[in-house]
Amino acid sequence: METAAIMAVMFACALPVLSSCSKKEPSSKTPDVIQDQGQNKFLTLKQHLQQKPDDAEAWYDMADLYYQNSLFGKAAEAYKKAAKLDPEGYTYLKLGMSYDAINQPRQAAAAYEQAVKLMPSYAVAYNNLGAAYGKLGKSGKEIAAFEKAIKLRSHYATARYNLGYAYLKKGDK
């Protein structure tokens, strides 16, 4: 089997990644929401959001719960609400990841574009943006995003792998 065929079988697409980026320390605004665990946390958040629907931090926490439980569509909706209330880079990054998980690369790319505007020195956001561009067939933008990720973090193995794979897809060995 040819090298390109083997690579195509092994790796269907570039790898979006979130490497340990917590948004920020939990806010003291809603300590009861942050400290609960499991189902209790979900119910507490739901009640809190009924009383305070403009609490961006609570929407972000709710989105994280949905994402952790593989409810990616609901996570995307909650991250969108959080981003509308408080446009923050990590919120857009995780919104993009939610869209990636439900195979909506156009929406993922838009969210990652917002993330890189808000966090222009965060390599993971560029890597994920490159992966979304790759799914959309925008190889020039894909390569540029991976190169930017590597420029920001020179030893970023995932971005280097994704860049190599993007060139391989173009037929450029």
N, C-alpha and C. Protein backbone atom coordinates (compact mmCIF):
# COMPACT_ATOMS: atom_id res chain seq x y z
N MET A 1 0.85 -1.18 0.00
CA MET A 1 0.00 0.00 0.00
C MET A 1 0.89 1.24 0.00
N GLU A 2 0.54 2.25 -0.80
CA GLU A 2 1.34 3.46 -0.90
C GLU A 2 1.30 4.27 0.40
N THR A 3 2.33 5.05 0.61
CA THR A 3 2.43 5.85 1.82
C THR A 3 1.22 6.76 1.99
N ALA A 4 0.81 7.44 0.93
CA ALA A 4 -0.32 8.36 1.02
C ALA A 4 -1.60 7.62 1.40
N ALA A 5 -1.81 6.43 0.85
CA ALA A 5 -3.00 5.65 1.17
C ALA A 5 -2.98 5.22 2.64
N ILE A 6 -1.82 4.82 3.12
CA ILE A 6 -1.69 4.42 4.52
C ILE A 6 -2.00 5.61 5.43
N MET A 7 -1.44 6.77 5.08
CA MET A 7 -1.69 7.97 5.88
C MET A 7 -3.17 8.33 5.87
N ALA A 8 -3.81 8.20 4.73
CA ALA A 8 -5.23 8.54 4.63
C ALA A 8 -6.08 7.63 5.50
N VAL A 9 -5.73 6.35 5.54
CA VAL A 9 -6.47 5.41 6.37
C VAL A 9 -6.24 5.70 7.84
N MET A 10 -4.99 5.99 8.21
CA MET A 10 -4.65 6.20 9.61
C MET A 10 -5.20 7.51 10.17
N PHE A 11 -5.21 8.53 9.34
CA PHE A 11 -5.56 9.86 9.85
C PHE A 11 -6.54 10.53 8.91
N ALA A 12 -7.78 10.51 9.29
CA ALA A 12 -8.83 11.04 8.42
C ALA A 12 -8.79 12.56 8.34
N CYS A 13 -8.38 13.23 9.39
CA CYS A 13 -8.34 14.69 9.35
C CYS A 13 -7.39 15.21 10.42
N ALA A 14 -7.11 16.49 10.34
CA ALA A 14 -6.24 17.12 11.32
C ALA A 14 -6.88 17.06 12.70
N LEU A 15 -6.05 17.18 13.70
CA LEU A 15 -6.49 17.01 15.08
C LEU A 15 -6.72 18.34 15.78
N PRO A 16 -7.98 18.70 16.07
CA PRO A 16 -8.18 19.85 16.94
C PRO A 16 -7.87 19.42 18.37
N VAL A 17 -7.33 20.32 19.15
CA VAL A 17 -6.89 19.95 20.50
C VAL A 17 -7.20 21.07 21.47
N LEU A 18 -7.54 20.68 22.67
CA LEU A 18 -7.61 21.63 23.77
C LEU A 18 -6.65 21.11 24.82
N SER A 19 -5.55 21.82 25.02
CA SER A 19 -4.57 21.33 25.99
C SER A 19 -4.64 22.15 27.26
N SER A 20 -5.30 21.61 28.21
CA SER A 20 -5.40 22.15 29.56
C SER A 20 -5.54 23.67 29.60
N CYS A 21 -6.63 24.16 29.05
CA CYS A 21 -6.85 25.60 29.14
C CYS A 21 -8.12 25.84 29.93
N SER A 22 -7.95 26.03 31.20
CA SER A 22 -9.12 26.40 31.98
C SER A 22 -9.38 27.87 31.70
N LYS A 23 -10.64 28.22 31.64
CA LYS A 23 -11.01 29.58 31.29
C LYS A 23 -10.38 30.55 32.27
N LYS A 24 -10.66 30.37 33.50
CA LYS A 24 -10.11 31.19 34.58
C LYS A 24 -10.58 30.58 35.88
N GLU A 25 -10.10 31.13 36.95
CA GLU A 25 -10.53 30.63 38.25
C GLU A 25 -12.03 30.86 38.41
N PRO A 26 -12.73 29.93 39.08
CA PRO A 26 -14.17 30.12 39.28
C PRO A 26 -14.45 31.44 39.99
N SER A 27 -15.50 32.06 39.55
CA SER A 27 -15.89 33.34 40.12
C SER A 27 -16.50 33.14 41.50
N SER A 28 -16.31 34.11 42.35
CA SER A 28 -16.94 34.03 43.68
C SER A 28 -18.40 34.46 43.61
N LYS A 29 -18.87 34.88 42.43
CA LYS A 29 -20.26 35.30 42.27
C LYS A 29 -21.24 34.16 42.51
N THR A 30 -20.86 32.94 42.13
CA THR A 30 -21.79 31.81 42.22
C THR A 30 -21.11 30.60 42.88
N PRO A 31 -20.65 30.74 44.15
CA PRO A 31 -19.93 29.64 44.77
C PRO A 31 -20.77 28.38 44.92
N ASP A 32 -22.07 28.50 45.14
CA ASP A 32 -22.92 27.32 45.27
C ASP A 32 -22.96 26.53 43.96
N VAL A 33 -22.85 27.22 42.84
CA VAL A 33 -22.88 26.57 41.53
C VAL A 33 -21.59 25.80 41.29
N ILE A 34 -20.46 26.40 41.65
CA ILE A 34 -19.16 25.80 41.37
C ILE A 34 -18.89 24.58 42.26
N GLN A 35 -19.33 24.60 43.50
CA GLN A 35 -18.95 23.56 44.44
C GLN A 35 -19.76 22.28 44.32
N ASP A 36 -20.97 22.35 43.77
CA ASP A 36 -21.78 21.13 43.64
C ASP A 36 -21.15 20.18 42.63
N GLN A 37 -21.46 18.90 42.73
CA GLN A 37 -20.91 17.90 41.82
C GLN A 37 -22.04 17.18 41.09
N GLY A 38 -21.71 16.64 39.90
CA GLY A 38 -22.62 15.77 39.16
C GLY A 38 -23.99 16.35 38.90
N GLN A 39 -25.01 15.54 39.13
CA GLN A 39 -26.39 15.93 38.87
C GLN A 39 -26.79 17.15 39.70
N ASN A 40 -26.32 17.22 40.93
CA ASN A 40 -26.64 18.37 41.77
C ASN A 40 -26.11 19.66 41.15
N LYS A 41 -24.93 19.59 40.55
CA LYS A 41 -24.37 20.78 39.92
C LYS A 41 -25.25 21.22 38.75
N PHE A 42 -25.70 20.26 37.94
CA PHE A 42 -26.57 20.58 36.82
C PHE A 42 -27.86 21.25 37.31
N LEU A 43 -28.50 20.65 38.31
CA LEU A 43 -29.75 21.20 38.83
C LEU A 43 -29.55 22.58 39.45
N THR A 44 -28.45 22.74 40.18
CA THR A 44 -28.16 24.03 40.80
C THR A 44 -27.92 25.09 39.73
N LEU A 45 -27.16 24.74 38.69
CA LEU A 45 -26.93 25.68 37.60
C LEU A 45 -28.23 26.06 36.90
N LYS A 46 -29.05 25.05 36.65
CA LYS A 46 -30.32 25.30 35.97
C LYS A 46 -31.18 26.27 36.78
N GLN A 47 -31.28 26.05 38.07
CA GLN A 47 -32.05 26.94 38.93
C GLN A 47 -31.44 28.34 38.96
N HIS A 48 -30.13 28.39 39.05
CA HIS A 48 -29.44 29.67 39.08
C HIS A 48 -29.71 30.46 37.80
N LEU A 49 -29.66 29.78 36.65
CA LEU A 49 -29.87 30.45 35.37
C LEU A 49 -31.32 30.90 35.18
N GLN A 50 -32.24 30.21 35.81
CA GLN A 50 -33.63 30.67 35.77
C GLN A 50 -33.77 32.00 36.52
N GLN A 51 -33.00 32.15 37.58
CA GLN A 51 -33.06 33.38 38.38
C GLN A 51 -32.18 34.48 37.78
N LYS A 52 -31.05 34.08 37.20
CA LYS A 52 -30.09 35.05 36.65
C LYS A 52 -29.67 34.62 35.25
N PRO A 53 -30.54 34.82 34.26
CA PRO A 53 -30.23 34.36 32.90
C PRO A 53 -29.11 35.15 32.22
N ASP A 54 -28.64 36.23 32.83
CA ASP A 54 -27.55 37.02 32.25
C ASP A 54 -26.19 36.72 32.89
N ASP A 55 -26.08 35.61 33.57
CA ASP A 55 -24.83 35.22 34.22
C ASP A 55 -23.97 34.41 33.24
N ALA A 56 -23.04 35.08 32.59
CA ALA A 56 -22.19 34.44 31.58
C ALA A 56 -21.37 33.29 32.17
N GLU A 57 -20.87 33.48 33.36
CA GLU A 57 -20.05 32.44 34.02
C GLU A 57 -20.86 31.17 34.23
N ALA A 58 -22.11 31.31 34.64
CA ALA A 58 -22.97 30.14 34.85
C ALA A 58 -23.30 29.45 33.53
N TRP A 59 -23.51 30.24 32.45
CA TRP A 59 -23.74 29.62 31.13
C TRP A 59 -22.49 28.85 30.68
N TYR A 60 -21.32 29.41 30.96
CA TYR A 60 -20.07 28.73 30.62
C TYR A 60 -19.95 27.41 31.39
N ASP A 61 -20.26 27.45 32.67
CA ASP A 61 -20.21 26.23 33.49
C ASP A 61 -21.23 25.19 33.01
N MET A 62 -22.42 25.65 32.63
CA MET A 62 -23.44 24.74 32.12
C MET A 62 -22.96 24.12 30.80
N ALA A 63 -22.37 24.92 29.95
CA ALA A 63 -21.84 24.41 28.68
C ALA A 63 -20.77 23.36 28.93
N ASP A 64 -19.89 23.62 29.89
CA ASP A 64 -18.86 22.63 30.23
C ASP A 64 -19.48 21.31 30.68
N LEU A 65 -20.54 21.37 31.48
CA LEU A 65 -21.23 20.14 31.91
C LEU A 65 -21.80 19.39 30.71
N TYR A 66 -22.45 20.12 29.82
CA TYR A 66 -22.99 19.48 28.62
C TYR A 66 -21.86 18.84 27.81
N TYR A 67 -20.77 19.58 27.61
CA TYR A 67 -19.64 19.07 26.82
C TYR A 67 -19.05 17.81 27.46
N GLN A 68 -18.85 17.84 28.76
CA GLN A 68 -18.28 16.70 29.47
C GLN A 68 -19.16 15.47 29.38
N ASN A 69 -20.45 15.68 29.15
CA ASN A 69 -21.39 14.57 29.03
C ASN A 69 -21.76 14.29 27.58
N SER A 70 -20.94 14.76 26.66
CA SER A 70 -21.09 14.52 25.21
C SER A 70 -22.40 15.03 24.63
N LEU A 71 -22.96 16.06 25.24
CA LEU A 71 -24.15 16.73 24.71
C LEU A 71 -23.67 17.99 23.98
N PHE A 72 -23.01 17.76 22.85
CA PHE A 72 -22.28 18.82 22.18
C PHE A 72 -23.18 19.91 21.58
N GLY A 73 -24.35 19.55 21.08
CA GLY A 73 -25.27 20.55 20.56
C GLY A 73 -25.74 21.50 21.66
N LYS A 74 -26.08 20.93 22.81
CA LYS A 74 -26.50 21.75 23.96
C LYS A 74 -25.31 22.57 24.47
N ALA A 75 -24.13 21.99 24.44
CA ALA A 75 -22.94 22.73 24.86
C ALA A 75 -22.74 23.94 23.96
N ALA A 76 -22.88 23.75 22.66
CA ALA A 76 -22.70 24.87 21.72
C ALA A 76 -23.69 25.99 22.01
N GLU A 77 -24.94 25.63 22.26
CA GLU A 77 -25.95 26.65 22.56
C GLU A 77 -25.60 27.42 23.84
N ALA A 78 -25.15 26.70 24.86
CA ALA A 78 -24.80 27.35 26.12
C ALA A 78 -23.54 28.22 25.97
N TYR A 79 -22.54 27.73 25.22
CA TYR A 79 -21.33 28.55 24.99
C TYR A 79 -21.70 29.81 24.20
N LYS A 80 -22.63 29.69 23.23
CA LYS A 80 -23.06 30.88 22.48
C LYS A 80 -23.68 31.92 23.41
N LYS A 81 -24.51 31.45 24.35
CA LYS A 81 -25.12 32.39 25.30
C LYS A 81 -24.05 33.05 26.17
N ALA A 82 -23.08 32.25 26.62
CA ALA A 82 -22.00 32.81 27.44
C ALA A 82 -21.19 33.82 26.65
N ALA A 83 -20.88 33.50 25.40
CA ALA A 83 -20.08 34.40 24.56
C ALA A 83 -20.83 35.70 24.25
N LYS A 84 -22.13 35.61 24.09
CA LYS A 84 -22.92 36.81 23.82
C LYS A 84 -22.90 37.73 25.04
N LEU A 85 -22.96 37.15 26.22
CA LEU A 85 -22.96 37.94 27.45
C LEU A 85 -21.58 38.46 27.83
N ASP A 86 -20.54 37.67 27.54
CA ASP A 86 -19.17 38.04 27.88
C ASP A 86 -18.24 37.45 26.83
N PRO A 87 -17.96 38.19 25.75
CA PRO A 87 -17.11 37.66 24.68
C PRO A 87 -15.70 37.40 25.19
N GLU A 88 -15.40 36.15 25.41
CA GLU A 88 -14.12 35.73 25.99
C GLU A 88 -13.51 34.65 25.12
N GLY A 89 -12.21 34.68 24.95
CA GLY A 89 -11.52 33.78 24.03
C GLY A 89 -11.75 32.31 24.28
N TYR A 90 -11.64 31.86 25.52
CA TYR A 90 -11.82 30.44 25.81
C TYR A 90 -13.24 29.99 25.52
N THR A 91 -14.19 30.87 25.71
CA THR A 91 -15.58 30.52 25.41
C THR A 91 -15.72 30.24 23.92
N TYR A 92 -15.13 31.09 23.09
CA TYR A 92 -15.18 30.85 21.64
C TYR A 92 -14.40 29.60 21.25
N LEU A 93 -13.28 29.34 21.93
CA LEU A 93 -12.51 28.13 21.66
C LEU A 93 -13.36 26.89 21.92
N LYS A 94 -14.02 26.87 23.06
CA LYS A 94 -14.84 25.71 23.40
C LYS A 94 -16.10 25.64 22.56
N LEU A 95 -16.62 26.78 22.13
CA LEU A 95 -17.74 26.78 21.19
C LEU A 95 -17.31 26.09 19.89
N GLY A 96 -16.13 26.44 19.42
CA GLY A 96 -15.60 25.80 18.22
C GLY A 96 -15.43 24.30 18.39
N MET A 97 -14.95 23.89 19.54
CA MET A 97 -14.78 22.46 19.81
C MET A 97 -16.13 21.75 19.82
N SER A 98 -17.16 22.41 20.34
CA SER A 98 -18.50 21.82 20.35
C SER A 98 -19.00 21.64 18.92
N TYR A 99 -18.79 22.67 18.10
CA TYR A 99 -19.19 22.56 16.69
C TYR A 99 -18.39 21.47 15.97
N ASP A 100 -17.11 21.37 16.29
CA ASP A 100 -16.30 20.27 15.72
C ASP A 100 -16.90 18.92 16.06
N ALA A 101 -17.33 18.77 17.30
CA ALA A 101 -17.85 17.49 17.78
C ALA A 101 -19.15 17.09 17.09
N ILE A 102 -19.90 18.08 16.58
CA ILE A 102 -21.15 17.76 15.87
C ILE A 102 -20.99 17.98 14.37
N ASN A 103 -19.73 17.99 13.92
CA ASN A 103 -19.39 18.05 12.51
C ASN A 103 -20.00 19.27 11.80
N GLN A 104 -19.76 20.43 12.38
CA GLN A 104 -20.18 21.69 11.77
C GLN A 104 -18.93 22.58 11.62
N PRO A 105 -18.07 22.23 10.64
CA PRO A 105 -16.78 22.92 10.52
C PRO A 105 -16.89 24.41 10.19
N ARG A 106 -17.92 24.81 9.47
CA ARG A 106 -18.06 26.24 9.14
C ARG A 106 -18.29 27.06 10.42
N GLN A 107 -19.18 26.56 11.28
CA GLN A 107 -19.43 27.25 12.55
C GLN A 107 -18.22 27.15 13.47
N ALA A 108 -17.54 26.01 13.43
CA ALA A 108 -16.33 25.84 14.24
C ALA A 108 -15.27 26.86 13.82
N ALA A 109 -15.07 27.00 12.52
CA ALA A 109 -14.07 27.95 12.03
C ALA A 109 -14.41 29.37 12.47
N ALA A 110 -15.68 29.74 12.39
CA ALA A 110 -16.10 31.09 12.81
C ALA A 110 -15.81 31.31 14.30
N ALA A 111 -16.08 30.30 15.10
CA ALA A 111 -15.82 30.41 16.54
C ALA A 111 -14.32 30.50 16.81
N TYR A 112 -13.52 29.68 16.11
CA TYR A 112 -12.07 29.73 16.30
C TYR A 112 -11.50 31.07 15.82
N GLU A 113 -12.07 31.63 14.76
CA GLU A 113 -11.62 32.94 14.30
C GLU A 113 -11.82 33.99 15.39
N GLN A 114 -12.96 33.93 16.08
CA GLN A 114 -13.19 34.83 17.21
C GLN A 114 -12.19 34.56 18.33
N ALA A 115 -11.90 33.29 18.58
CA ALA A 115 -10.95 32.94 19.64
C ALA A 115 -9.57 33.53 19.36
N VAL A 116 -9.09 33.43 18.10
CA VAL A 116 -7.76 33.96 17.80
C VAL A 116 -7.74 35.49 17.83
N LYS A 117 -8.89 36.13 17.53
CA LYS A 117 -8.95 37.59 17.66
C LYS A 117 -8.78 37.99 19.12
N LEU A 118 -9.41 37.23 20.00
CA LEU A 118 -9.39 37.57 21.43
C LEU A 118 -8.14 37.05 22.14
N MET A 119 -7.52 36.00 21.59
CA MET A 119 -6.31 35.42 22.18
C MET A 119 -5.26 35.23 21.08
N PRO A 120 -4.71 36.31 20.54
CA PRO A 120 -3.82 36.19 19.39
C PRO A 120 -2.49 35.47 19.65
N SER A 121 -2.17 35.18 20.88
CA SER A 121 -0.92 34.48 21.16
C SER A 121 -1.16 33.06 21.68
N TYR A 122 -2.37 32.53 21.48
CA TYR A 122 -2.70 31.20 21.98
C TYR A 122 -2.63 30.18 20.84
N ALA A 123 -1.58 29.38 20.84
CA ALA A 123 -1.30 28.45 19.75
C ALA A 123 -2.40 27.42 19.53
N VAL A 124 -3.02 26.94 20.58
CA VAL A 124 -4.07 25.92 20.45
C VAL A 124 -5.23 26.44 19.60
N ALA A 125 -5.58 27.71 19.77
CA ALA A 125 -6.68 28.28 18.98
C ALA A 125 -6.34 28.26 17.49
N TYR A 126 -5.08 28.57 17.14
CA TYR A 126 -4.66 28.52 15.73
C TYR A 126 -4.65 27.10 15.21
N ASN A 127 -4.21 26.15 16.02
CA ASN A 127 -4.22 24.76 15.60
C ASN A 127 -5.64 24.29 15.29
N ASN A 128 -6.56 24.60 16.18
CA ASN A 128 -7.95 24.19 15.98
C ASN A 128 -8.56 24.90 14.77
N LEU A 129 -8.20 26.16 14.57
CA LEU A 129 -8.67 26.90 13.40
C LEU A 129 -8.16 26.23 12.13
N GLY A 130 -6.90 25.84 12.14
CA GLY A 130 -6.34 25.14 10.97
C GLY A 130 -7.08 23.84 10.68
N ALA A 131 -7.41 23.10 11.73
CA ALA A 131 -8.15 21.84 11.54
C ALA A 131 -9.52 22.10 10.93
N ALA A 132 -10.19 23.17 11.38
CA ALA A 132 -11.51 23.50 10.82
C ALA A 132 -11.38 23.92 9.35
N TYR A 133 -10.37 24.73 9.04
CA TYR A 133 -10.16 25.12 7.64
C TYR A 133 -9.88 23.88 6.77
N GLY A 134 -9.13 22.93 7.32
CA GLY A 134 -8.85 21.71 6.57
C GLY A 134 -10.12 20.95 6.22
N LYS A 135 -11.05 20.89 7.17
CA LYS A 135 -12.33 20.21 6.92
C LYS A 135 -13.15 20.94 5.87
N LEU A 136 -12.93 22.24 5.74
CA LEU A 136 -13.65 23.03 4.74
C LEU A 136 -12.93 23.05 3.38
N GLY A 137 -11.77 22.41 3.31
CA GLY A 137 -11.02 22.37 2.06
C GLY A 137 -10.25 23.64 1.75
N LYS A 138 -10.01 24.46 2.76
CA LYS A 138 -9.27 25.72 2.58
C LYS A 138 -7.81 25.49 2.95
N SER A 139 -7.08 24.81 2.06
CA SER A 139 -5.73 24.36 2.40
C SER A 139 -4.77 25.51 2.67
N GLY A 140 -4.88 26.62 1.96
CA GLY A 140 -3.99 27.75 2.20
C GLY A 140 -4.17 28.32 3.60
N LYS A 141 -5.42 28.51 3.99
CA LYS A 141 -5.69 29.02 5.34
C LYS A 141 -5.34 27.98 6.40
N GLU A 142 -5.57 26.71 6.08
CA GLU A 142 -5.23 25.62 7.00
C GLU A 142 -3.74 25.66 7.32
N ILE A 143 -2.92 25.70 6.29
CA ILE A 143 -1.46 25.71 6.47
C ILE A 143 -1.01 26.95 7.22
N ALA A 144 -1.57 28.10 6.87
CA ALA A 144 -1.19 29.35 7.54
C ALA A 144 -1.52 29.30 9.04
N ALA A 145 -2.66 28.73 9.39
CA ALA A 145 -3.03 28.63 10.81
C ALA A 145 -2.09 27.70 11.57
N PHE A 146 -1.75 26.55 10.97
CA PHE A 146 -0.81 25.64 11.63
C PHE A 146 0.56 26.29 11.77
N GLU A 147 1.00 27.01 10.74
CA GLU A 147 2.29 27.68 10.82
C GLU A 147 2.30 28.74 11.92
N LYS A 148 1.19 29.45 12.08
CA LYS A 148 1.09 30.46 13.15
C LYS A 148 1.16 29.78 14.52
N ALA A 149 0.47 28.63 14.65
CA ALA A 149 0.51 27.90 15.92
C ALA A 149 1.95 27.50 16.26
N ILE A 150 2.69 27.05 15.26
CA ILE A 150 4.09 26.63 15.47
C ILE A 150 4.98 27.83 15.76
N LYS A 151 4.70 28.94 15.10
CA LYS A 151 5.48 30.16 15.37
C LYS A 151 5.29 30.60 16.83
N LEU A 152 4.07 30.45 17.33
CA LEU A 152 3.79 30.84 18.71
C LEU A 152 4.36 29.86 19.73
N ARG A 153 4.38 28.59 19.36
CA ARG A 153 4.89 27.55 20.27
C ARG A 153 5.67 26.55 19.43
N SER A 154 6.97 26.77 19.34
CA SER A 154 7.81 26.05 18.38
C SER A 154 7.84 24.53 18.58
N HIS A 155 7.63 24.05 19.77
CA HIS A 155 7.67 22.60 20.02
C HIS A 155 6.27 21.98 20.08
N TYR A 156 5.31 22.61 19.46
CA TYR A 156 3.92 22.16 19.49
C TYR A 156 3.76 20.98 18.52
N ALA A 157 3.87 19.78 19.06
CA ALA A 157 3.90 18.57 18.24
C ALA A 157 2.62 18.36 17.43
N THR A 158 1.48 18.61 18.03
CA THR A 158 0.21 18.40 17.31
C THR A 158 0.12 19.33 16.11
N ALA A 159 0.48 20.58 16.28
CA ALA A 159 0.43 21.53 15.16
C ALA A 159 1.44 21.14 14.08
N ARG A 160 2.61 20.66 14.49
CA ARG A 160 3.61 20.21 13.50
C ARG A 160 3.09 19.00 12.72
N TYR A 161 2.48 18.07 13.42
CA TYR A 161 1.88 16.91 12.77
C TYR A 161 0.80 17.37 11.78
N ASN A 162 -0.10 18.24 12.25
CA ASN A 162 -1.19 18.72 11.41
C ASN A 162 -0.67 19.47 10.19
N LEU A 163 0.39 20.25 10.35
CA LEU A 163 0.99 20.96 9.22
C LEU A 163 1.53 19.96 8.19
N GLY A 164 2.24 18.95 8.67
CA GLY A 164 2.75 17.92 7.76
C GLY A 164 1.63 17.21 7.03
N TYR A 165 0.57 16.90 7.74
CA TYR A 165 -0.57 16.22 7.12
C TYR A 165 -1.26 17.12 6.10
N ALA A 166 -1.34 18.41 6.40
CA ALA A 166 -1.95 19.36 5.44
C ALA A 166 -1.15 19.40 4.14
N TYR A 167 0.17 19.41 4.27
CA TYR A 167 1.01 19.37 3.05
C TYR A 167 0.84 18.05 2.32
N LEU A 168 0.74 16.97 3.04
CA LEU A 168 0.56 15.65 2.42
C LEU A 168 -0.76 15.60 1.64
N LYS A 169 -1.82 16.17 2.22
CA LYS A 169 -3.13 16.21 1.52
C LYS A 169 -3.03 16.99 0.22
N LYS A 170 -2.17 18.02 0.21
CA LYS A 170 -1.97 18.82 -1.01
C LYS A 170 -1.11 18.09 -2.02
N GLY A 171 -0.50 16.99 -1.60
CA GLY A 171 0.42 16.26 -2.48
C GLY A 171 1.84 16.79 -2.41
N ASP A 172 2.12 17.62 -1.44
CA ASP A 172 3.44 18.22 -1.26
C ASP A 172 4.19 17.46 -0.17
N LYS A 173 5.08 16.57 -0.59
CA LYS A 173 5.84 15.78 0.38
C LYS A 173 7.07 16.53 0.81
